[in-house]
Protein backbone atom coordinates (compact mmCIF):
# COMPACT_ATOMS: atom_id res chain seq x y z
CA MET A 1 143.97 -36.14 -102.31
CA ASP A 2 144.78 -39.23 -104.34
CA VAL A 3 148.10 -40.12 -105.96
CA PHE A 4 147.24 -38.68 -109.34
CA GLU A 5 146.11 -35.37 -107.83
CA ALA A 6 149.35 -35.30 -105.84
CA ILE A 7 151.40 -35.89 -108.99
CA GLU A 8 149.60 -33.07 -110.82
CA LYS A 9 150.13 -30.68 -107.90
CA MET A 10 153.82 -31.52 -107.85
CA LYS A 11 154.04 -31.02 -111.62
CA SER A 12 152.41 -27.61 -111.36
CA GLN A 13 154.97 -26.59 -108.73
CA LEU A 14 158.05 -28.15 -110.31
CA GLY A 15 157.16 -27.58 -113.96
CA SER A 16 157.62 -31.05 -115.44
CA TYR A 17 157.04 -34.74 -114.82
CA ARG A 18 160.78 -35.28 -115.14
CA LYS A 19 161.39 -33.03 -112.12
CA VAL A 20 158.62 -34.80 -110.20
CA ALA A 21 160.22 -38.17 -110.89
CA PHE A 22 163.61 -36.84 -109.77
CA SER A 23 162.15 -35.36 -106.57
CA LEU A 24 160.62 -38.75 -105.77
CA GLY A 25 163.88 -40.57 -106.45
CA MET A 26 162.45 -42.51 -109.40
CA THR A 27 163.63 -42.97 -112.94
CA GLU A 28 161.57 -41.21 -115.58
CA GLY A 29 160.61 -44.57 -117.10
CA HIS A 30 159.33 -46.06 -113.87
CA PHE A 31 157.50 -42.84 -112.98
CA LEU A 32 155.85 -42.83 -116.41
CA LYS A 33 154.67 -46.40 -115.89
CA ILE A 34 153.19 -45.49 -112.51
CA ARG A 35 151.54 -42.38 -113.92
CA THR A 36 149.97 -44.30 -116.79
CA GLY A 37 148.96 -47.30 -114.68
CA ARG A 38 151.36 -49.78 -116.30
CA ALA A 39 153.33 -50.37 -113.09
CA HIS A 40 152.04 -51.55 -109.74
CA LEU A 41 151.94 -48.78 -107.17
CA THR A 42 152.30 -50.08 -103.64
CA LYS A 43 150.34 -48.49 -100.82
CA LYS A 44 153.62 -47.38 -99.26
CA ASN A 45 154.73 -45.60 -102.45
CA ALA A 46 151.30 -44.03 -102.91
CA GLU A 47 151.41 -42.64 -99.37
CA PHE A 48 154.95 -41.34 -99.97
CA ILE A 49 153.90 -39.47 -103.13
CA ILE A 50 150.93 -37.89 -101.35
CA LEU A 51 153.04 -36.88 -98.34
CA LYS A 52 155.71 -35.41 -100.63
CA ALA A 53 153.07 -33.33 -102.46
CA LYS A 54 151.63 -32.09 -99.16
CA ALA A 55 155.11 -31.20 -97.90
CA MET A 56 155.85 -29.27 -101.09
CA ASN A 57 152.56 -27.41 -100.69
CA VAL A 58 153.46 -26.39 -97.13
CA GLU A 59 156.96 -25.30 -98.19
CA GLY A 60 155.44 -23.23 -101.00
CA GLU A 61 153.20 -21.42 -98.54
CA HIS A 62 156.13 -20.50 -96.31
CA ASP A 63 158.84 -19.61 -98.80
CA GLY A 64 157.72 -16.01 -99.27
CA LYS A 65 156.04 -16.50 -102.63
CA ASN A 66 152.55 -16.03 -101.22
CA MET A 67 153.31 -12.93 -99.16
């Protein structure tokens, strides 16, 4: 999974890019710049976004929604 796939998965679970930005602890403006490629995305931040998306996926599987 790359960063942009992770962002889309998070958006599908949370419902909006605004909520994704909030869950990552970013401002909407900075998140928009990352999403559109206008801001530099460090390797550390990219890994964080991917891990956060994977963690949300695991939580979604165990919260009773898929039973």
